[in-house]
């Protein structure tokens, strides 16, 4: 991603050499603004890369335990009957 901004910056610099503020002030200001913008974007990405490298990676999360499923209806009745028979 960095190479694209360098190429754009160089292109804006080259175009700025061919445009003067006296003959075409609008184009001159546009090129100056684009050059400043690409420089700022490149600086922002450099800062993001530096801060991202400084932050340690988070440890992997453990799998959450599933809550037991409560039996209802016919299955619950069968389980109760089996439990009563075993208790005898």
PDB file of N, CA and C in Angstrom:
ATOM      1  N   UNK A   1       0.841  -1.197   0.000  1.00  0.00           N
ATOM      2  CA  UNK A   1       0.000   0.000   0.000  1.00  0.00           C
ATOM      3  C   UNK A   1       0.876   1.245   0.000  1.00  0.00           C
ATOM      4  N   UNK A   2       2.008   1.172   0.623  1.00  0.00           N
ATOM      5  CA  UNK A   2       2.895   2.324   0.718  1.00  0.00           C
ATOM      6  C   UNK A   2       3.410   2.754  -0.655  1.00  0.00           C
ATOM      7  N   UNK A   3       3.699   1.800  -1.518  1.00  0.00           N
ATOM      8  CA  UNK A   3       4.253   2.119  -2.833  1.00  0.00           C
ATOM      9  C   UNK A   3       3.276   2.958  -3.653  1.00  0.00           C
ATOM     10  N   UNK A   4       2.002   2.698  -3.540  1.00  0.00           N
ATOM     11  CA  UNK A   4       1.000   3.462  -4.279  1.00  0.00           C
ATOM     12  C   UNK A   4       1.002   4.928  -3.896  1.00  0.00           C
ATOM     13  N   UNK A   5       1.165   5.206  -2.610  1.00  0.00           N
ATOM     14  CA  UNK A   5       1.200   6.603  -2.167  1.00  0.00           C
ATOM     15  C   UNK A   5       2.485   7.290  -2.600  1.00  0.00           C
ATOM     16  N   UNK A   6       3.577   6.553  -2.637  1.00  0.00           N
ATOM     17  CA  UNK A   6       4.841   7.133  -3.084  1.00  0.00           C
ATOM     18  C   UNK A   6       4.734   7.502  -4.558  1.00  0.00           C
ATOM     19  N   UNK A   7       4.158   6.609  -5.356  1.00  0.00           N
ATOM     20  CA  UNK A   7       3.991   6.890  -6.786  1.00  0.00           C
ATOM     21  C   UNK A   7       3.080   8.094  -6.994  1.00  0.00           C
ATOM     22  N   UNK A   8       1.967   8.135  -6.252  1.00  0.00           N
ATOM     23  CA  UNK A   8       1.043   9.265  -6.374  1.00  0.00           C
ATOM     24  C   UNK A   8       1.728  10.567  -5.973  1.00  0.00           C
ATOM     25  N   UNK A   9       2.488  10.529  -4.902  1.00  0.00           N
ATOM     26  CA  UNK A   9       3.186  11.730  -4.443  1.00  0.00           C
ATOM     27  C   UNK A   9       4.175  12.214  -5.493  1.00  0.00           C
ATOM     28  N   UNK A  10       4.916  11.280  -6.066  1.00  0.00           N
ATOM     29  CA  UNK A  10       5.885  11.662  -7.103  1.00  0.00           C
ATOM     30  C   UNK A  10       5.177  12.224  -8.329  1.00  0.00           C
ATOM     31  N   UNK A  11       4.043  11.655  -8.692  1.00  0.00           N
ATOM     32  CA  UNK A  11       3.282  12.170  -9.832  1.00  0.00           C
ATOM     33  C   UNK A  11       2.774  13.586  -9.563  1.00  0.00           C
ATOM     34  N   UNK A  12       2.305  13.841  -8.349  1.00  0.00           N
ATOM     35  CA  UNK A  12       1.812  15.177  -8.012  1.00  0.00           C
ATOM     36  C   UNK A  12       2.960  16.184  -8.004  1.00  0.00           C
ATOM     37  N   UNK A  13       4.144  15.737  -7.518  1.00  0.00           N
ATOM     38  CA  UNK A  13       5.303  16.631  -7.529  1.00  0.00           C
ATOM     39  C   UNK A  13       5.689  16.987  -8.964  1.00  0.00           C
ATOM     40  N   UNK A  14       5.709  15.983  -9.820  1.00  0.00           N
ATOM     41  CA  UNK A  14       6.063  16.220 -11.224  1.00  0.00           C
ATOM     42  C   UNK A  14       5.052  17.139 -11.886  1.00  0.00           C
ATOM     43  N   UNK A  15       3.782  16.931 -11.642  1.00  0.00           N
ATOM     44  CA  UNK A  15       2.751  17.798 -12.228  1.00  0.00           C
ATOM     45  C   UNK A  15       2.871  19.213 -11.684  1.00  0.00           C
ATOM     46  N   UNK A  16       3.240  19.342 -10.418  1.00  0.00           N
ATOM     47  CA  UNK A  16       3.413  20.656  -9.817  1.00  0.00           C
ATOM     48  C   UNK A  16       4.538  21.449 -10.442  1.00  0.00           C
ATOM     49  N   UNK A  17       5.533  20.753 -10.986  1.00  0.00           N
ATOM     50  CA  UNK A  17       6.651  21.447 -11.653  1.00  0.00           C
ATOM     51  C   UNK A  17       6.207  22.107 -12.962  1.00  0.00           C
ATOM     52  N   UNK A  18       5.150  21.579 -13.533  1.00  0.00           N
ATOM     53  CA  UNK A  18       4.681  22.094 -14.821  1.00  0.00           C
ATOM     54  C   UNK A  18       3.546  23.110 -14.692  1.00  0.00           C
ATOM     55  N   UNK A  19       3.082  23.328 -13.474  1.00  0.00           N
ATOM     56  CA  UNK A  19       1.978  24.270 -13.241  1.00  0.00           C
ATOM     57  C   UNK A  19       2.499  25.369 -12.327  1.00  0.00           C
ATOM     58  N   UNK A  20       2.245  26.594 -12.686  1.00  0.00           N
ATOM     59  CA  UNK A  20       2.679  27.694 -11.825  1.00  0.00           C
ATOM     60  C   UNK A  20       1.464  28.326 -11.155  1.00  0.00           C
ATOM     61  N   UNK A  21       1.711  28.927 -10.001  1.00  0.00           N
ATOM     62  CA  UNK A  21       0.630  29.563  -9.252  1.00  0.00           C
ATOM     63  C   UNK A  21       0.099  30.796  -9.979  1.00  0.00           C
ATOM     64  N   UNK A  22       0.927  31.419 -10.783  1.00  0.00           N
ATOM     65  CA  UNK A  22       0.490  32.631 -11.481  1.00  0.00           C
ATOM     66  C   UNK A  22      -0.415  32.314 -12.675  1.00  0.00           C
ATOM     67  N   UNK A  23      -0.059  31.273 -13.431  1.00  0.00           N
ATOM     68  CA  UNK A  23      -0.833  30.980 -14.650  1.00  0.00           C
ATOM     69  C   UNK A  23      -2.103  30.193 -14.360  1.00  0.00           C
ATOM     70  N   UNK A  24      -2.040  29.265 -13.403  1.00  0.00           N
ATOM     71  CA  UNK A  24      -3.213  28.433 -13.103  1.00  0.00           C
ATOM     72  C   UNK A  24      -3.289  28.170 -11.592  1.00  0.00           C
ATOM     73  N   UNK A  25      -3.783  29.164 -10.840  1.00  0.00           N
ATOM     74  CA  UNK A  25      -3.787  29.019  -9.380  1.00  0.00           C
ATOM     75  C   UNK A  25      -4.681  27.885  -8.875  1.00  0.00           C
ATOM     76  N   UNK A  26      -5.770  27.619  -9.564  1.00  0.00           N
ATOM     77  CA  UNK A  26      -6.673  26.553  -9.117  1.00  0.00           C
ATOM     78  C   UNK A  26      -5.978  25.196  -9.220  1.00  0.00           C
ATOM     79  N   UNK A  27      -5.367  24.917 -10.346  1.00  0.00           N
ATOM     80  CA  UNK A  27      -4.661  23.649 -10.535  1.00  0.00           C
ATOM     81  C   UNK A  27      -3.483  23.543  -9.582  1.00  0.00           C
ATOM     82  N   UNK A  28      -2.772  24.649  -9.367  1.00  0.00           N
ATOM     83  CA  UNK A  28      -1.640  24.650  -8.445  1.00  0.00           C
ATOM     84  C   UNK A  28      -2.106  24.291  -7.032  1.00  0.00           C
ATOM     85  N   UNK A  29      -3.198  24.906  -6.585  1.00  0.00           N
ATOM     86  CA  UNK A  29      -3.733  24.611  -5.254  1.00  0.00           C
ATOM     87  C   UNK A  29      -4.248  23.186  -5.159  1.00  0.00           C
ATOM     88  N   UNK A  30      -4.858  22.693  -6.233  1.00  0.00           N
ATOM     89  CA  UNK A  30      -5.345  21.319  -6.242  1.00  0.00           C
ATOM     90  C   UNK A  30      -4.190  20.333  -6.113  1.00  0.00           C
ATOM     91  N   UNK A  31      -3.150  20.536  -6.885  1.00  0.00           N
ATOM     92  CA  UNK A  31      -1.985  19.645  -6.800  1.00  0.00           C
ATOM     93  C   UNK A  31      -1.311  19.727  -5.440  1.00  0.00           C
ATOM     94  N   UNK A  32      -1.186  20.936  -4.900  1.00  0.00           N
ATOM     95  CA  UNK A  32      -0.590  21.090  -3.573  1.00  0.00           C
ATOM     96  C   UNK A  32      -1.426  20.360  -2.513  1.00  0.00           C
ATOM     97  N   UNK A  33      -2.749  20.480  -2.619  1.00  0.00           N
ATOM     98  CA  UNK A  33      -3.634  19.797  -1.676  1.00  0.00           C
ATOM     99  C   UNK A  33      -3.541  18.286  -1.789  1.00  0.00           C
ATOM    100  N   UNK A  34      -3.483  17.774  -3.021  1.00  0.00           N
ATOM    101  CA  UNK A  34      -3.354  16.325  -3.210  1.00  0.00           C
ATOM    102  C   UNK A  34      -2.012  15.818  -2.698  1.00  0.00           C
ATOM    103  N   UNK A  35      -0.985  16.577  -2.903  1.00  0.00           N
ATOM    104  CA  UNK A  35       0.336  16.209  -2.398  1.00  0.00           C
ATOM    105  C   UNK A  35       0.337  16.169  -0.871  1.00  0.00           C
ATOM    106  N   UNK A  36      -0.270  17.149  -0.254  1.00  0.00           N
ATOM    107  CA  UNK A  36      -0.367  17.183   1.209  1.00  0.00           C
ATOM    108  C   UNK A  36      -1.210  16.025   1.730  1.00  0.00           C
ATOM    109  N   UNK A  37      -2.291  15.738   1.021  1.00  0.00           N
ATOM    110  CA  UNK A  37      -3.174  14.651   1.443  1.00  0.00           C
ATOM    111  C   UNK A  37      -2.468  13.301   1.382  1.00  0.00           C
ATOM    112  N   UNK A  38      -1.762  13.024   0.300  1.00  0.00           N
ATOM    113  CA  UNK A  38      -1.059  11.745   0.200  1.00  0.00           C
ATOM    114  C   UNK A  38       0.052  11.646   1.246  1.00  0.00           C
ATOM    115  N   UNK A  39       0.702  12.746   1.536  1.00  0.00           N
ATOM    116  CA  UNK A  39       1.734  12.731   2.583  1.00  0.00           C
ATOM    117  C   UNK A  39       1.108  12.443   3.945  1.00  0.00           C
ATOM    118  N   UNK A  40      -0.043  13.029   4.218  1.00  0.00           N
ATOM    119  CA  UNK A  40      -0.716  12.801   5.503  1.00  0.00           C
ATOM    120  C   UNK A  40      -1.211  11.364   5.626  1.00  0.00           C
ATOM    121  N   UNK A  41      -1.754  10.826   4.546  1.00  0.00           N
ATOM    122  CA  UNK A  41      -2.229   9.434   4.566  1.00  0.00           C
ATOM    123  C   UNK A  41      -1.061   8.485   4.815  1.00  0.00           C
ATOM    124  N   UNK A  42       0.052   8.716   4.156  1.00  0.00           N
ATOM    125  CA  UNK A  42       1.232   7.873   4.349  1.00  0.00           C
ATOM    126  C   UNK A  42       1.722   7.957   5.793  1.00  0.00           C
ATOM    127  N   UNK A  43       1.725   9.145   6.374  1.00  0.00           N
ATOM    128  CA  UNK A  43       2.134   9.311   7.773  1.00  0.00           C
ATOM    129  C   UNK A  43       1.179   8.598   8.717  1.00  0.00           C
ATOM    130  N   UNK A  44      -0.117   8.667   8.427  1.00  0.00           N
ATOM    131  CA  UNK A  44      -1.105   7.988   9.267  1.00  0.00           C
ATOM    132  C   UNK A  44      -0.934   6.475   9.225  1.00  0.00           C
ATOM    133  N   UNK A  45      -0.691   5.925   8.035  1.00  0.00           N
ATOM    134  CA  UNK A  45      -0.479   4.483   7.927  1.00  0.00           C
ATOM    135  C   UNK A  45       0.799   4.055   8.631  1.00  0.00           C
ATOM    136  N   UNK A  46       1.839   4.871   8.549  1.00  0.00           N
ATOM    137  CA  UNK A  46       3.080   4.554   9.254  1.00  0.00           C
ATOM    138  C   UNK A  46       2.845   4.522  10.766  1.00  0.00           C
ATOM    139  N   UNK A  47       2.061   5.460  11.268  1.00  0.00           N
ATOM    140  CA  UNK A  47       1.737   5.483  12.693  1.00  0.00           C
ATOM    141  C   UNK A  47       0.909   4.261  13.084  1.00  0.00           C
ATOM    142  N   UNK A  48      -0.061   3.898  12.251  1.00  0.00           N
ATOM    143  CA  UNK A  48      -0.872   2.709  12.538  1.00  0.00           C
ATOM    144  C   UNK A  48      -0.024   1.446  12.564  1.00  0.00           C
ATOM    145  N   UNK A  49       0.884   1.316  11.617  1.00  0.00           N
ATOM    146  CA  UNK A  49       1.756   0.142  11.591  1.00  0.00           C
ATOM    147  C   UNK A  49       2.627   0.086  12.847  1.00  0.00           C
ATOM    148  N   UNK A  50       3.123   1.226  13.278  1.00  0.00           N
ATOM    149  CA  UNK A  50       3.986   1.270  14.463  1.00  0.00           C
ATOM    150  C   UNK A  50       3.213   0.901  15.723  1.00  0.00           C
ATOM    151  N   UNK A  51       2.000   1.417  15.865  1.00  0.00           N
ATOM    152  CA  UNK A  51       1.209   1.103  17.055  1.00  0.00           C
ATOM    153  C   UNK A  51       0.707  -0.333  17.016  1.00  0.00           C
ATOM    154  N   UNK A  52       0.422  -0.839  15.837  1.00  0.00           N
ATOM    155  CA  UNK A  52      -0.047  -2.225  15.721  1.00  0.00           C
ATOM    156  C   UNK A  52       1.075  -3.193  16.081  1.00  0.00           C
ATOM    157  N   UNK A  53       2.292  -2.866  15.715  1.00  0.00           N
ATOM    158  CA  UNK A  53       3.430  -3.722  16.036  1.00  0.00           C
ATOM    159  C   UNK A  53       3.729  -3.690  17.539  1.00  0.00           C
ATOM    160  N   UNK A  54       3.410  -2.593  18.208  1.00  0.00           N
ATOM    161  CA  UNK A  54       3.695  -2.452  19.632  1.00  0.00           C
ATOM    162  C   UNK A  54       2.676  -3.171  20.518  1.00  0.00           C
ATOM    163  N   UNK A  55       1.481  -3.417  20.009  1.00  0.00           N
ATOM    164  CA  UNK A  55       0.425  -4.055  20.797  1.00  0.00           C
ATOM    165  C   UNK A  55       0.631  -5.561  20.756  1.00  0.00           C
ATOM    166  N   UNK A  56       0.725  -6.215  21.936  1.00  0.00           N
ATOM    167  CA  UNK A  56       0.894  -7.670  21.928  1.00  0.00           C
ATOM    168  C   UNK A  56      -0.394  -8.364  21.473  1.00  0.00           C
ATOM    169  N   UNK A  57      -0.219  -9.524  20.888  1.00  0.00           N
ATOM    170  CA  UNK A  57      -1.376 -10.287  20.413  1.00  0.00           C
ATOM    171  C   UNK A  57      -2.161 -10.823  21.609  1.00  0.00           C
ATOM    172  N   UNK A  58      -3.469 -10.838  21.492  1.00  0.00           N
ATOM    173  CA  UNK A  58      -4.325 -11.342  22.569  1.00  0.00           C
ATOM    174  C   UNK A  58      -4.242 -12.865  22.604  1.00  0.00           C
ATOM    175  N   UNK A  59      -4.267 -13.451  23.814  1.00  0.00           N
ATOM    176  CA  UNK A  59      -4.230 -14.913  23.895  1.00  0.00           C
ATOM    177  C   UNK A  59      -5.528 -15.504  23.330  1.00  0.00           C
ATOM    178  N   UNK A  60      -5.465 -16.722  22.812  1.00  0.00           N
ATOM    179  CA  UNK A  60      -6.681 -17.322  22.252  1.00  0.00           C
ATOM    180  C   UNK A  60      -7.722 -17.552  23.344  1.00  0.00           C
ATOM    181  N   UNK A  61      -8.966 -17.376  22.972  1.00  0.00           N
ATOM    182  CA  UNK A  61     -10.046 -17.551  23.938  1.00  0.00           C
ATOM    183  C   UNK A  61     -10.362 -19.025  24.102  1.00  0.00           C
ATOM    184  N   UNK A  62     -10.722 -19.402  25.325  1.00  0.00           N
ATOM    185  CA  UNK A  62     -11.127 -20.777  25.581  1.00  0.00           C
ATOM    186  C   UNK A  62     -12.568 -20.960  25.119  1.00  0.00           C
ATOM    187  N   UNK A  63     -12.871 -22.184  24.725  1.00  0.00           N
ATOM    188  CA  UNK A  63     -14.237 -22.477  24.282  1.00  0.00           C
ATOM    189  C   UNK A  63     -15.177 -22.396  25.482  1.00  0.00           C
ATOM    190  N   UNK A  64     -16.281 -21.750  25.277  1.00  0.00           N
ATOM    191  CA  UNK A  64     -17.262 -21.597  26.352  1.00  0.00           C
ATOM    192  C   UNK A  64     -17.966 -22.933  26.601  1.00  0.00           C
ATOM    193  N   UNK A  65     -18.198 -23.227  27.861  1.00  0.00           N
ATOM    194  CA  UNK A  65     -18.919 -24.457  28.195  1.00  0.00           C
ATOM    195  C   UNK A  65     -20.394 -24.256  27.913  1.00  0.00           C
ATOM    196  N   UNK A  66     -20.977 -25.291  27.372  1.00  0.00           N
ATOM    197  CA  UNK A  66     -22.402 -25.227  27.086  1.00  0.00           C
ATOM    198  C   UNK A  66     -23.189 -25.552  28.355  1.00  0.00           C
ATOM    199  N   UNK A  67     -24.256 -24.820  28.533  1.00  0.00           N
ATOM    200  CA  UNK A  67     -25.127 -25.071  29.679  1.00  0.00           C
ATOM    201  C   UNK A  67     -25.896 -26.372  29.435  1.00  0.00           C
ATOM    202  N   UNK A  68     -26.145 -27.149  30.487  1.00  0.00           N
ATOM    203  CA  UNK A  68     -26.902 -28.391  30.294  1.00  0.00           C
ATOM    204  C   UNK A  68     -28.317 -28.085  29.795  1.00  0.00           C
ATOM    205  N   UNK A  69     -28.778 -28.930  28.917  1.00  0.00           N
ATOM    206  CA  UNK A  69     -30.100 -28.749  28.335  1.00  0.00           C
ATOM    207  C   UNK A  69     -31.124 -29.397  29.244  1.00  0.00           C
ATOM    208  N   UNK A  70     -32.133 -28.656  29.577  1.00  0.00           N
ATOM    209  CA  UNK A  70     -33.178 -29.161  30.460  1.00  0.00           C
ATOM    210  C   UNK A  70     -34.158 -29.995  29.643  1.00  0.00           C
ATOM    211  N   UNK A  71     -34.449 -31.185  30.131  1.00  0.00           N
ATOM    212  CA  UNK A  71     -35.360 -32.059  29.409  1.00  0.00           C
ATOM    213  C   UNK A  71     -36.797 -31.651  29.704  1.00  0.00           C
ATOM    214  N   UNK A  72     -37.617 -31.718  28.690  1.00  0.00           N
ATOM    215  CA  UNK A  72     -39.029 -31.371  28.854  1.00  0.00           C
ATOM    216  C   UNK A  72     -39.878 -32.393  28.128  1.00  0.00           C
ATOM    217  N   UNK A  73     -41.116 -32.440  28.483  1.00  0.00           N
ATOM    218  CA  UNK A  73     -42.087 -33.276  27.768  1.00  0.00           C
ATOM    219  C   UNK A  73     -41.878 -34.761  28.006  1.00  0.00           C
ATOM    220  N   UNK A  74     -41.978 -35.563  26.942  1.00  0.00           N
ATOM    221  CA  UNK A  74     -41.943 -37.020  27.025  1.00  0.00           C
ATOM    222  C   UNK A  74     -40.586 -37.515  27.508  1.00  0.00           C
ATOM    223  N   UNK A  75     -39.515 -36.895  27.082  1.00  0.00           N
ATOM    224  CA  UNK A  75     -38.180 -37.316  27.508  1.00  0.00           C
ATOM    225  C   UNK A  75     -38.016 -37.145  29.009  1.00  0.00           C
ATOM    226  N   UNK A  76     -38.543 -36.068  29.551  1.00  0.00           N
ATOM    227  CA  UNK A  76     -38.432 -35.823  30.987  1.00  0.00           C
ATOM    228  C   UNK A  76     -39.205 -36.882  31.767  1.00  0.00           C
ATOM    229  N   UNK A  77     -40.380 -37.297  31.291  1.00  0.00           N
ATOM    230  CA  UNK A  77     -41.186 -38.305  31.978  1.00  0.00           C
ATOM    231  C   UNK A  77     -40.486 -39.648  31.977  1.00  0.00           C
ATOM    232  N   UNK A  78     -39.872 -40.017  30.829  1.00  0.00           N
ATOM    233  CA  UNK A  78     -39.151 -41.277  30.747  1.00  0.00           C
ATOM    234  C   UNK A  78     -37.965 -41.273  31.691  1.00  0.00           C
ATOM    235  N   UNK A  79     -37.266 -40.157  31.770  1.00  0.00           N
ATOM    236  CA  UNK A  79     -36.112 -40.056  32.655  1.00  0.00           C
ATOM    237  C   UNK A  79     -36.537 -40.190  34.108  1.00  0.00           C
ATOM    238  N   UNK A  80     -37.672 -39.581  34.464  1.00  0.00           N
ATOM    239  CA  UNK A  80     -38.169 -39.677  35.837  1.00  0.00           C
ATOM    240  C   UNK A  80     -38.531 -41.114  36.167  1.00  0.00           C
ATOM    241  N   UNK A  81     -39.183 -41.799  35.225  1.00  0.00           N
ATOM    242  CA  UNK A  81     -39.572 -43.196  35.460  1.00  0.00           C
ATOM    243  C   UNK A  81     -38.337 -44.065  35.650  1.00  0.00           C
ATOM    244  N   UNK A  82     -37.290 -43.852  34.826  1.00  0.00           N
ATOM    245  CA  UNK A  82     -36.065 -44.626  34.957  1.00  0.00           C
ATOM    246  C   UNK A  82     -35.397 -44.352  36.290  1.00  0.00           C
ATOM    247  N   UNK A  83     -35.402 -43.111  36.713  1.00  0.00           N
ATOM    248  CA  UNK A  83     -34.781 -42.735  37.982  1.00  0.00           C
ATOM    249  C   UNK A  83     -35.511 -43.382  39.149  1.00  0.00           C
ATOM    250  N   UNK A  84     -36.851 -43.438  39.065  1.00  0.00           N
ATOM    251  CA  UNK A  84     -37.645 -44.039  40.138  1.00  0.00           C
ATOM    252  C   UNK A  84     -37.376 -45.537  40.188  1.00  0.00           C
ATOM    253  N   UNK A  85     -37.292 -46.185  39.030  1.00  0.00           N
ATOM    254  CA  UNK A  85     -37.040 -47.636  38.989  1.00  0.00           C
ATOM    255  C   UNK A  85     -35.658 -47.952  39.533  1.00  0.00           C
ATOM    256  N   UNK A  86     -34.669 -47.158  39.213  1.00  0.00           N
ATOM    257  CA  UNK A  86     -33.328 -47.399  39.711  1.00  0.00           C
ATOM    258  C   UNK A  86     -33.234 -47.211  41.220  1.00  0.00           C
ATOM    259  N   UNK A  87     -34.025 -46.289  41.721  1.00  0.00           N
ATOM    260  CA  UNK A  87     -33.989 -45.998  43.158  1.00  0.00           C
ATOM    261  C   UNK A  87     -34.587 -47.152  43.965  1.00  0.00           C
ATOM    262  N   UNK A  88     -35.442 -47.965  43.372  1.00  0.00           N
ATOM    263  CA  UNK A  88     -36.101 -49.070  44.125  1.00  0.00           C
ATOM    264  C   UNK A  88     -35.180 -50.161  44.347  1.00  0.00           C
TER     265      UNK A  88
END
